[in-house]
Protein backbone atom coordinates (compact mmCIF):
# COMPACT_ATOMS: atom_id res chain seq x y z
CA MET A 1 0.00 0.00 0.00
CA ASN A 2 1.39 3.34 -1.03
CA SER A 3 0.76 5.99 1.60
CA ALA A 4 1.69 8.88 -0.67
CA ASN A 5 0.58 10.36 -4.00
CA PRO A 6 -3.21 10.10 -3.76
CA SER A 7 -4.78 10.05 -7.22
CA ASP A 8 -8.03 11.92 -6.58
CA ARG A 9 -9.98 13.71 -3.83
CA TYR A 10 -11.30 10.46 -2.38
CA ASP A 11 -7.86 8.93 -2.10
CA ALA A 12 -6.60 12.22 -0.69
CA ALA A 13 -9.31 12.09 1.99
CA LEU A 14 -8.39 8.47 2.75
CA VAL A 15 -4.70 9.26 3.16
CA ALA A 16 -5.46 12.33 5.28
CA ALA A 17 -7.31 10.06 7.69
CA VAL A 18 -5.15 6.95 7.87
CA PHE A 19 -1.65 8.28 7.11
CA PRO A 20 -1.69 12.08 7.50
CA PRO A 21 1.36 13.58 5.74
CA ASP A 22 1.71 16.23 8.48
CA TRP A 23 1.42 13.81 11.38
CA LYS A 24 3.66 14.47 14.38
CA ASN A 25 4.53 11.47 16.51
CA PRO A 26 4.20 12.10 20.27
CA ALA A 27 7.00 11.99 22.80
CA PRO A 28 7.11 8.41 24.12
CA ALA A 29 5.83 7.65 27.58
CA GLY A 30 8.24 6.17 30.11
CA ARG A 31 6.68 2.74 29.81
CA TYR A 32 3.54 1.53 28.08
CA ASP A 33 1.17 -1.10 29.35
CA LEU A 34 0.77 -2.21 25.73
CA VAL A 35 2.62 -1.50 22.49
CA VAL A 36 0.86 -2.66 19.34
CA LEU A 37 2.79 -3.16 16.12
CA GLY A 38 0.42 -2.84 13.18
CA ALA A 39 -2.84 -0.91 12.79
CA GLY A 40 -4.97 -3.33 10.82
CA THR A 41 -8.05 -4.87 12.41
CA GLY A 42 -6.14 -6.91 15.01
CA GLY A 43 -3.98 -3.99 16.03
CA LEU A 44 -6.75 -1.38 16.09
CA VAL A 45 -9.04 -3.54 18.21
CA SER A 46 -6.23 -4.53 20.59
CA ALA A 47 -5.28 -0.89 21.10
CA ALA A 48 -8.84 0.42 21.40
CA VAL A 49 -9.98 -2.24 23.88
CA ALA A 50 -6.87 -1.89 26.04
CA ALA A 51 -7.12 1.90 26.11
CA GLY A 52 -10.82 1.70 26.92
CA LEU A 53 -9.96 -0.42 29.95
CA GLY A 54 -7.48 2.17 31.22
CA ALA A 55 -4.18 0.92 29.78
CA ARG A 56 -1.49 3.27 28.44
CA VAL A 57 -1.17 2.23 24.80
CA ALA A 58 1.13 2.99 21.89
CA LEU A 59 0.05 2.04 18.37
CA VAL A 60 2.63 1.84 15.57
CA GLU A 61 1.85 1.73 11.84
CA ARG A 62 4.28 2.06 8.94
CA GLU A 63 1.77 2.36 6.08
CA ARG A 64 -1.96 3.08 6.37
CA MET A 65 -4.11 2.62 9.44
CA GLY A 66 -7.02 0.31 8.79
CA GLY A 67 -4.72 -2.28 7.23
CA ASP A 68 -5.83 -4.49 4.38
CA CYS A 69 -9.51 -4.52 5.35
CA LEU A 70 -10.14 -0.81 4.86
CA ASN A 71 -7.57 -0.03 2.21
CA VAL A 72 -7.18 -3.02 -0.09
CA GLY A 73 -9.41 -5.80 1.22
CA CYS A 74 -12.92 -6.13 2.62
CA VAL A 75 -14.17 -2.61 2.03
CA PRO A 76 -13.06 -1.95 -1.58
CA SER A 77 -13.73 -5.52 -2.70
CA LYS A 78 -17.28 -5.55 -1.35
CA ALA A 79 -17.98 -2.15 -2.89
CA LEU A 80 -16.80 -3.50 -6.25
CA ILE A 81 -18.79 -6.70 -5.79
CA ARG A 82 -21.88 -4.60 -5.10
CA ALA A 83 -21.30 -2.66 -8.32
CA GLY A 84 -21.09 -5.93 -10.23
CA ARG A 85 -24.33 -7.16 -8.65
CA MET A 86 -26.07 -3.93 -9.60
CA ALA A 87 -24.93 -4.39 -13.20
CA ALA A 88 -26.12 -8.00 -13.21
CA ALA A 89 -29.49 -7.00 -11.74
CA ALA A 90 -29.91 -4.38 -14.44
CA ARG A 91 -29.27 -6.98 -17.13
CA ALA A 92 -31.80 -9.31 -15.47
CA GLY A 93 -34.47 -6.62 -15.66
CA ALA A 94 -35.83 -8.10 -18.88
CA GLU A 95 -37.57 -10.70 -16.72
CA ILE A 96 -40.01 -8.01 -15.60
CA GLY A 97 -40.07 -6.18 -18.92
CA LEU A 98 -37.31 -3.72 -18.09
CA ALA A 99 -35.27 -3.70 -21.26
CA PRO A 100 -31.71 -2.33 -21.00
CA ALA A 101 -30.67 0.46 -23.33
CA ALA A 102 -29.16 -0.84 -26.54
CA GLY A 103 -25.43 -1.26 -26.25
CA ALA A 104 -25.38 -0.12 -22.62
CA GLU A 105 -22.63 -1.48 -20.42
CA PRO A 106 -21.39 -0.63 -16.92
CA ASP A 107 -19.18 2.43 -16.47
CA PHE A 108 -16.07 0.85 -14.97
CA GLY A 109 -14.57 4.19 -13.99
CA ALA A 110 -17.75 5.20 -12.17
CA ALA A 111 -17.81 1.88 -10.28
CA MET A 112 -14.21 2.36 -9.16
CA GLU A 113 -14.88 5.96 -8.15
CA ARG A 114 -17.86 4.82 -6.08
CA MET A 115 -15.59 2.32 -4.35
CA ARG A 116 -13.04 5.04 -3.51
CA ARG A 117 -15.79 7.35 -2.23
CA ILE A 118 -17.19 4.66 0.09
CA ARG A 119 -13.73 3.74 1.35
CA ALA A 120 -12.84 7.35 2.09
CA GLY A 121 -16.12 7.82 3.93
CA MET A 122 -15.38 4.86 6.20
CA ALA A 123 -11.78 5.87 6.94
CA LYS A 124 -12.64 8.20 9.83
CA HIS A 125 -13.35 5.23 12.11
CA ASP A 126 -9.77 3.95 11.65
CA SER A 127 -8.11 7.36 11.51
CA ALA A 128 -4.99 8.37 13.38
CA GLN A 129 -6.77 11.43 14.74
CA ARG A 130 -9.63 9.40 16.23
CA PHE A 131 -7.31 6.95 17.96
CA ARG A 132 -5.30 9.85 19.39
CA ASP A 133 -8.03 12.33 20.29
CA GLU A 134 -11.00 10.12 21.15
CA LEU A 135 -9.29 6.99 22.47
CA GLY A 136 -6.24 8.54 24.10
CA ILE A 137 -3.71 6.32 22.30
CA ASP A 138 -0.18 7.41 21.37
CA VAL A 139 -0.13 6.88 17.61
CA PHE A 140 3.29 6.52 15.97
CA LEU A 141 3.43 6.51 12.17
CA GLY A 142 6.66 5.09 10.84
CA ASP A 143 8.77 1.98 10.53
CA GLY A 144 8.51 0.19 13.87
CA ARG A 145 10.56 -2.78 15.06
CA PHE A 146 11.52 -4.56 18.24
CA VAL A 147 14.95 -3.73 19.59
CA ALA A 148 14.81 -5.71 22.85
CA PRO A 149 12.52 -8.23 24.57
CA ASP A 150 10.69 -5.31 26.22
CA ALA A 151 11.16 -2.44 23.80
CA ALA A 152 10.35 -1.33 20.27
CA GLU A 153 11.57 1.60 18.24
CA VAL A 154 9.94 3.82 15.63
CA ASN A 155 11.70 6.69 13.86
CA GLY A 156 14.34 6.81 16.59
CA SER A 157 11.85 6.84 19.48
CA ARG A 158 12.15 3.98 21.96
CA LEU A 159 8.90 2.51 23.29
CA ARG A 160 9.29 0.38 26.42
CA PHE A 161 6.42 -1.92 27.30
CA ARG A 162 4.99 -4.34 29.82
CA ARG A 163 3.25 -6.24 27.04
CA ALA A 164 3.17 -6.03 23.24
CA VAL A 165 0.99 -7.31 20.41
CA ILE A 166 2.26 -8.14 16.94
CA ALA A 167 -0.49 -7.41 14.41
CA THR A 168 1.47 -6.85 11.21
CA GLY A 169 -0.86 -8.80 8.92
CA ALA A 170 0.01 -10.43 5.63
CA ARG A 171 0.52 -9.53 2.00
CA ALA A 172 -0.27 -11.11 -1.34
CA GLY A 173 2.11 -13.86 -2.40
CA ALA A 174 3.25 -14.35 -5.99
CA PRO A 175 3.91 -17.79 -7.49
CA PRO A 176 7.38 -18.38 -8.98
CA ILE A 177 6.30 -18.25 -12.62
CA PRO A 178 9.08 -17.32 -15.06
CA GLY A 179 8.50 -13.90 -16.56
CA LEU A 180 5.62 -12.94 -14.25
CA ALA A 181 7.51 -10.22 -12.38
CA GLU A 182 8.94 -8.80 -15.59
CA ALA A 183 5.54 -8.67 -17.28
CA GLY A 184 3.95 -7.07 -14.22
CA PHE A 185 0.86 -8.10 -12.32
CA LEU A 186 -1.83 -6.85 -9.97
CA THR A 187 -2.67 -8.05 -6.46
CA ASN A 188 -5.37 -7.00 -4.02
CA GLU A 189 -2.97 -4.20 -3.01
CA THR A 190 -2.96 -2.65 -6.50
CA VAL A 191 -6.07 -3.83 -8.35
CA PHE A 192 -8.29 -1.21 -6.69
CA SER A 193 -6.11 1.53 -8.13
CA LEU A 194 -7.35 0.78 -11.66
CA ARG A 195 -9.09 3.68 -13.36
CA GLU A 196 -9.77 2.18 -16.79
CA ARG A 197 -11.37 -1.15 -17.56
CA PRO A 198 -8.93 -3.85 -18.69
CA ARG A 199 -10.52 -5.56 -21.66
CA ARG A 200 -9.00 -8.96 -20.81
CA LEU A 201 -8.00 -10.14 -17.34
CA ALA A 202 -6.29 -13.35 -16.21
CA VAL A 203 -6.83 -14.27 -12.55
CA ILE A 204 -4.24 -16.65 -11.12
CA GLY A 205 -5.95 -18.57 -8.32
CA GLY A 206 -9.47 -19.92 -7.93
CA GLY A 207 -9.81 -19.44 -4.18
CA PRO A 208 -12.21 -17.02 -2.48
CA ILE A 209 -10.44 -13.80 -3.57
CA GLY A 210 -9.97 -15.01 -7.13
CA CYS A 211 -13.60 -16.09 -7.47
CA GLU A 212 -15.03 -12.94 -5.88
CA LEU A 213 -13.06 -10.53 -8.03
CA SER A 214 -13.33 -12.53 -11.23
CA GLN A 215 -17.13 -12.45 -11.03
CA ALA A 216 -17.19 -8.75 -10.13
CA PHE A 217 -14.93 -7.84 -13.06
CA ALA A 218 -16.86 -10.05 -15.48
CA ARG A 219 -20.10 -8.34 -14.50
CA LEU A 220 -18.39 -5.02 -15.19
CA ALA A 221 -17.78 -6.14 -18.80
CA VAL A 222 -14.24 -7.50 -18.45
CA GLN A 223 -13.32 -10.73 -20.26
CA VAL A 224 -12.02 -12.86 -17.36
CA THR A 225 -10.13 -16.17 -17.32
CA VAL A 226 -9.44 -17.90 -13.99
CA LEU A 227 -6.37 -20.15 -13.91
CA GLU A 228 -6.43 -22.71 -11.08
CA VAL A 229 -3.87 -25.47 -10.50
CA SER A 230 -6.36 -27.71 -8.67
CA SER A 231 -9.09 -29.72 -10.32
CA ARG A 232 -11.77 -27.23 -9.24
CA VAL A 233 -12.20 -23.75 -7.82
CA LEU A 234 -12.84 -23.28 -4.09
CA GLU A 235 -11.16 -26.60 -3.37
CA LYS A 236 -11.48 -26.18 0.42
CA ASP A 237 -15.28 -26.02 0.25
CA ASP A 238 -17.85 -28.79 -0.20
CA PRO A 239 -17.62 -29.95 -3.84
CA ASP A 240 -21.34 -29.54 -4.56
CA ALA A 241 -21.38 -26.06 -3.01
CA ALA A 242 -18.30 -25.02 -4.99
CA ALA A 243 -19.88 -26.42 -8.16
CA ILE A 244 -22.89 -24.11 -7.74
CA VAL A 245 -20.58 -21.09 -7.48
CA ALA A 246 -18.52 -22.29 -10.46
CA ALA A 247 -21.65 -22.60 -12.59
CA SER A 248 -22.66 -19.07 -11.64
CA LEU A 249 -19.24 -17.71 -12.58
CA THR A 250 -19.47 -19.44 -15.94
CA ARG A 251 -22.92 -17.95 -16.58
CA ASP A 252 -21.46 -14.52 -15.90
CA GLY A 253 -18.89 -15.10 -18.62
CA VAL A 254 -15.89 -16.17 -16.50
CA ARG A 255 -13.81 -18.85 -18.17
CA LEU A 256 -12.55 -21.39 -15.63
CA VAL A 257 -9.36 -23.27 -16.52
CA THR A 258 -8.65 -25.87 -13.84
CA GLY A 259 -5.82 -28.36 -13.55
CA CYS A 260 -3.72 -25.62 -15.08
CA ARG A 261 -0.03 -24.83 -14.91
CA ILE A 262 1.46 -21.58 -16.20
CA GLU A 263 4.81 -22.33 -17.78
CA ARG A 264 5.85 -18.72 -18.33
CA VAL A 265 4.61 -15.18 -18.93
CA GLU A 266 5.78 -12.88 -21.70
CA SER A 267 5.13 -9.28 -22.64
CA GLY A 268 4.06 -8.65 -26.21
CA ALA A 269 2.99 -5.74 -28.36
CA THR A 270 -0.70 -6.55 -27.88
CA GLY A 271 -0.69 -7.69 -24.27
CA LYS A 272 0.71 -10.13 -21.74
CA ARG A 273 0.97 -13.73 -22.91
CA LEU A 274 0.63 -16.71 -20.57
CA LEU A 275 1.76 -20.12 -21.83
CA LEU A 276 -0.52 -22.71 -20.24
CA THR A 277 -0.28 -26.44 -19.72
CA ALA A 278 -3.79 -27.66 -19.02
CA ASP A 279 -6.36 -30.16 -20.23
CA PRO A 280 -8.15 -30.03 -22.55
CA ALA A 281 -6.02 -27.34 -24.19
CA PRO A 282 -2.30 -28.08 -23.58
CA GLY A 283 0.04 -25.49 -24.97
CA GLU A 284 -2.56 -22.72 -25.10
CA VAL A 285 -1.29 -19.15 -25.17
CA LEU A 286 -3.60 -16.82 -23.29
CA GLU A 287 -3.22 -13.13 -24.09
CA VAL A 288 -4.57 -10.54 -21.66
CA ASP A 289 -4.20 -6.89 -20.74
CA GLU A 290 -3.75 -7.44 -16.99
CA ILE A 291 -2.90 -10.31 -14.65
CA LEU A 292 -4.36 -10.47 -11.15
CA VAL A 293 -2.52 -12.77 -8.74
CA ALA A 294 -4.84 -14.21 -6.06
CA ALA A 295 -2.82 -17.25 -5.02
CA GLY A 296 -2.22 -17.04 -1.31
CA ARG A 297 -0.91 -14.76 1.42
CA VAL A 298 2.50 -14.29 3.05
CA PRO A 299 2.78 -13.13 6.70
CA ASN A 300 4.56 -9.84 7.38
CA VAL A 301 7.22 -11.05 9.81
CA GLU A 302 10.52 -9.93 8.31
CA GLY A 303 12.16 -6.65 9.19
CA ILE A 304 10.30 -6.01 12.45
CA GLY A 305 13.02 -7.16 14.83
CA LEU A 306 11.45 -10.41 16.00
CA GLU A 307 14.90 -11.87 16.54
CA SER A 308 15.78 -9.05 18.94
CA ALA A 309 12.59 -9.71 20.87
CA GLY A 310 13.16 -13.46 21.15
CA VAL A 311 10.06 -14.25 19.08
CA HIS A 312 10.15 -17.33 16.87
CA PHE A 313 8.55 -17.20 13.44
CA ASP A 314 8.35 -18.98 10.11
CA PRO A 315 8.47 -16.94 6.87
CA ARG A 316 5.53 -18.93 5.47
CA ARG A 317 3.38 -19.64 8.53
CA GLY A 318 4.11 -16.49 10.52
CA VAL A 319 4.67 -15.82 14.21
CA ARG A 320 4.62 -18.94 16.38
CA VAL A 321 2.05 -18.66 19.17
CA ASP A 322 0.39 -20.97 21.68
CA ASP A 323 -3.33 -21.43 22.26
CA PHE A 324 -3.39 -18.15 24.22
CA LEU A 325 -1.76 -16.36 21.24
CA ARG A 326 1.41 -15.84 23.28
CA THR A 327 4.88 -16.08 21.73
CA GLU A 328 7.99 -17.59 23.34
CA ASN A 329 8.59 -14.14 24.79
CA ARG A 330 5.91 -14.12 27.49
CA ARG A 331 5.58 -10.35 27.18
CA ILE A 332 4.59 -10.51 23.51
CA TYR A 333 1.42 -11.81 21.82
CA ALA A 334 0.37 -11.94 18.17
CA VAL A 335 -3.01 -11.75 16.40
CA GLY A 336 -4.42 -11.71 12.91
CA ASP A 337 -2.99 -12.83 9.60
CA CYS A 338 0.61 -12.76 10.80
CA ALA A 339 -0.04 -15.56 13.30
CA MET A 340 -3.46 -17.23 12.95
CA ASP A 341 -4.83 -19.93 10.67
CA TYR A 342 -8.13 -18.04 10.39
CA LYS A 343 -7.18 -15.11 8.15
CA PHE A 344 -10.36 -13.09 8.38
CA THR A 345 -11.12 -9.61 9.70
CA HIS A 346 -13.74 -10.92 12.14
CA ALA A 347 -11.32 -13.56 13.44
CA ALA A 348 -8.66 -10.92 14.08
CA ASP A 349 -11.26 -8.77 15.86
CA ALA A 350 -12.31 -11.61 18.17
CA ALA A 351 -8.72 -12.68 18.86
CA ALA A 352 -7.65 -9.11 19.65
CA LYS A 353 -10.25 -8.83 22.41
CA MET A 354 -9.08 -12.16 23.75
CA VAL A 355 -5.43 -11.10 23.68
CA VAL A 356 -6.08 -7.96 25.72
CA GLN A 357 -7.62 -10.12 28.45
CA ASN A 358 -4.75 -12.61 28.33
CA ALA A 359 -1.95 -10.04 28.15
CA LEU A 360 -3.14 -7.45 30.67
CA PHE A 361 -5.79 -9.01 32.89
CA PHE A 362 -4.60 -12.56 33.63
CA GLY A 363 -7.06 -14.07 31.15
CA ARG A 364 -6.89 -17.66 29.92
CA LYS A 365 -8.87 -17.34 26.71
CA ARG A 366 -7.97 -19.96 24.09
CA VAL A 367 -8.04 -19.32 20.36
CA SER A 368 -9.03 -22.96 19.78
CA LYS A 369 -12.36 -22.23 21.47
CA LEU A 370 -13.38 -19.60 18.92
CA VAL A 371 -16.23 -20.55 16.58
CA VAL A 372 -15.26 -18.74 13.38
CA PRO A 373 -17.52 -18.62 10.31
CA TRP A 374 -16.39 -17.36 6.94
CA CYS A 375 -17.98 -16.42 3.65
CA THR A 376 -16.96 -16.16 0.01
CA TYR A 377 -18.92 -13.20 -1.39
CA THR A 378 -19.63 -14.50 -4.85
CA ASP A 379 -23.19 -14.60 -6.16
CA PRO A 380 -24.44 -16.93 -4.77
CA GLU A 381 -22.43 -16.59 -1.57
CA LEU A 382 -20.77 -19.60 0.04
CA ALA A 383 -20.48 -19.60 3.84
CA HIS A 384 -19.18 -22.15 6.30
CA VAL A 385 -18.64 -22.71 10.01
CA GLY A 386 -17.24 -25.61 11.99
CA LEU A 387 -16.81 -29.11 10.59
CA SER A 388 -17.59 -30.23 7.06
CA GLU A 389 -18.60 -33.79 6.28
CA HIS A 390 -15.06 -34.50 5.10
CA SER A 391 -13.35 -33.00 8.16
CA ALA A 392 -15.72 -34.86 10.48
CA GLN A 393 -14.74 -38.12 8.79
CA GLU A 394 -11.06 -37.27 9.15
CA ARG A 395 -11.52 -36.72 12.89
CA GLY A 396 -13.61 -39.84 13.35
CA ILE A 397 -16.68 -37.87 14.44
CA ALA A 398 -19.98 -39.51 13.52
CA ILE A 399 -22.52 -36.98 12.27
CA ASP A 400 -26.02 -36.67 10.88
CA THR A 401 -26.44 -34.21 8.02
CA TYR A 402 -29.58 -32.20 7.21
CA THR A 403 -29.80 -30.43 3.84
CA VAL A 404 -32.53 -28.04 2.70
CA PRO A 405 -32.40 -26.70 -0.89
CA PHE A 406 -33.49 -23.13 -1.48
CA SER A 407 -35.69 -24.45 -4.27
CA ASP A 408 -37.94 -25.65 -1.41
CA ASN A 409 -37.95 -22.22 0.24
CA ASP A 410 -40.84 -19.89 -0.57
CA ARG A 411 -38.80 -16.69 -0.40
CA GLY A 412 -36.11 -18.27 -2.56
CA ARG A 413 -38.80 -18.94 -5.17
CA THR A 414 -40.33 -15.46 -5.07
CA ASP A 415 -36.87 -13.86 -5.29
CA GLY A 416 -35.76 -16.14 -8.09
CA GLN A 417 -32.86 -17.25 -5.89
CA THR A 418 -33.38 -20.99 -5.76
CA GLU A 419 -29.75 -21.99 -6.24
CA GLY A 420 -27.98 -23.53 -3.29
CA PHE A 421 -28.86 -25.05 0.04
CA VAL A 422 -28.53 -24.99 3.82
CA ARG A 423 -26.58 -27.94 5.19
CA ILE A 424 -26.17 -28.52 8.92
CA HIS A 425 -24.13 -31.26 10.58
CA ALA A 426 -24.97 -32.53 14.07
CA ARG A 427 -23.50 -35.18 16.33
CA LYS A 428 -24.86 -38.60 15.42
CA GLY A 429 -28.22 -39.14 17.06
CA ARG A 430 -28.15 -35.73 18.77
CA ASP A 431 -29.12 -32.19 17.94
CA ARG A 432 -25.77 -30.61 18.84
CA ILE A 433 -24.56 -28.66 15.80
CA VAL A 434 -20.91 -29.17 14.82
CA GLY A 435 -20.80 -27.43 11.44
CA ALA A 436 -22.75 -25.90 8.60
CA THR A 437 -22.40 -24.92 4.96
CA ILE A 438 -24.75 -22.51 3.23
CA VAL A 439 -24.59 -21.62 -0.43
CA GLY A 440 -27.14 -19.05 -1.51
CA ALA A 441 -27.84 -15.40 -2.15
CA HIS A 442 -27.60 -14.40 1.52
CA ALA A 443 -25.40 -17.16 2.91
CA GLY A 444 -23.07 -14.72 4.71
CA ASP A 445 -25.96 -13.39 6.80
CA GLN A 446 -27.60 -16.77 7.39
CA ILE A 447 -24.45 -18.54 8.59
CA SER A 448 -24.73 -16.47 11.78
CA LEU A 449 -27.71 -18.61 12.88
CA PRO A 450 -25.84 -21.94 13.16
CA THR A 451 -22.76 -20.04 14.38
CA THR A 452 -24.76 -18.56 17.25
CA ALA A 453 -26.20 -21.98 18.02
CA MET A 454 -22.73 -23.53 18.15
CA THR A 455 -21.37 -20.70 20.31
CA THR A 456 -24.20 -20.83 22.84
CA GLY A 457 -24.77 -24.60 22.86
CA LEU A 458 -28.21 -24.45 21.26
CA GLY A 459 -29.18 -27.38 19.09
CA LEU A 460 -31.27 -28.10 16.02
CA SER A 461 -34.38 -28.47 18.15
CA ALA A 462 -33.93 -24.88 19.34
CA LEU A 463 -33.74 -23.66 15.74
CA ALA A 464 -36.86 -25.67 14.91
CA GLY A 465 -38.67 -24.18 17.91
CA THR A 466 -37.82 -20.58 16.98
CA ILE A 467 -40.40 -18.48 15.14
CA PHE A 468 -38.93 -17.02 11.93
CA PRO A 469 -40.70 -14.28 9.95
CA TYR A 470 -42.37 -15.55 6.78
CA PRO A 471 -41.30 -15.52 4.05
CA THR A 472 -37.53 -15.39 4.52
CA GLN A 473 -34.69 -17.43 3.11
CA ALA A 474 -33.45 -17.93 6.68
CA GLU A 475 -36.41 -20.27 7.15
CA ALA A 476 -34.27 -22.87 5.39
CA VAL A 477 -32.18 -23.00 8.58
CA LYS A 478 -35.34 -23.66 10.61
CA ALA A 479 -36.33 -26.33 8.08
CA ALA A 480 -33.08 -28.17 8.80
CA GLY A 481 -34.11 -28.19 12.46
CA ASN A 482 -37.50 -29.58 11.46
CA GLN A 483 -35.75 -32.38 9.58
CA TYR A 484 -33.99 -33.31 12.80
CA LEU A 485 -37.27 -33.32 14.76
CA ARG A 486 -38.82 -35.70 12.24
CA THR A 487 -36.04 -38.21 12.93
CA ARG A 488 -37.18 -38.29 16.57
CA LEU A 489 -40.61 -39.55 15.51
CA THR A 490 -39.67 -43.22 15.70
CA PRO A 491 -42.20 -46.05 15.21
CA ALA A 492 -42.38 -46.44 19.00
CA ALA A 493 -43.07 -42.72 19.39
CA LYS A 494 -45.79 -42.91 16.75
CA ARG A 495 -47.46 -45.81 18.55
CA ALA A 496 -47.36 -43.87 21.83
CA LEU A 497 -48.91 -40.83 20.20
CA GLY A 498 -51.58 -42.99 18.59
CA PHE A 499 -52.43 -44.45 22.00
CA LEU A 500 -52.81 -40.94 23.46
CA LEU A 501 -55.08 -39.89 20.61
CA ARG A 502 -57.38 -42.85 21.23
CA LEU A 503 -57.85 -42.05 24.90
CA PRO A 504 -61.37 -40.79 25.68
CA ARG A 505 -61.67 -37.09 26.50
């Protein structure tokens, strides 16, 4: 992320909030209760919660406050996804007699400007000024690093601490493809800087980021090809759920090339050329205008003095922590993408609150106890929490599975959103929920129902006994609970009920 040279008024407003060019770092306190390295979600929440509980806190950021989520992740991507959905809805208007204007296509520049406007409007919440003036935190902008087991340094200022949190996040990784660096490529850190529509786009990686952005760009009239080394996109999700998303991408014009290897990339007079080895088209040369790499993340652990602090780390896996998110240096903890397997904004938020308790208030909160859902924001969305059928088998956990298709849901029918299903896994013979997968138009919202049930210990019978407003797509979750209740109506139970019905009244 470049903190300088904003390209328009919205980017200028963003930079003024999250990396003010005239910012003056404060004089350091004698000793801080907590020093936080990194002002992404994990760092911001750690600092804000600790300060709110009375701790003296220093927050250090070398680029932009807000981290990936605000600047180059959740916020801009969801704004762009929304623009793509609006374009798709406009094209679908013919179903109700709303004919699009002849030759009309989305204004890519307007969609990107809308994204920048929304991002700038949200920046105040993560701004340096707010954290200083409203939360009472010493905000240091600059290159921070540990210089001792109990001290960090930023721009020559030494920050001594009782406890510290590493929240330096991660960055996009690039596969070692010959010629890729020379030809040039985009990542999530640069793709949102586009002003003009690329006519042809290759997306390397068919995971969540690759699928989300490929669909959004295709709906904004970009010719998109997804190149995935595995046999299918979204390989970590249930195959039938991933297949529904893949079919939707294809309908939107995305070409999916799976089982694909990229031998090399070249720059030519008419574009960037990728030499592919893939079935059924071995030796294909794909020519595009831009390449977007969405093939994994690399933790930001180098160059921050972890060796001086006695903190062990791996360049690929990140900072090594225990179940309390504590490093080998008992003064120092780590949260977020630099240390955790769950690389989501909401996971970093939850872990940051846990770390403040553990670091400053003798807490014993365990990261393994977190129930963390996640969602891929394609259309339809694909959301998951807990165990899948495959992971349950791997762990030797016997389960019952209840699946409700949205084609059986009244609101799904009226909305024309019958693709997908709700699938809930419970312990064999019991109603205790151990996992769920939802693929559908509003899966990201609906996954919160089984997540809440898992967190609070409620079971399928509780979902079945809850009154849902009619008609809603969330009723599919209740229907899964009803499926469970029907399994309790055994032949013996039916005979008992029949006996009660025959009793004279």
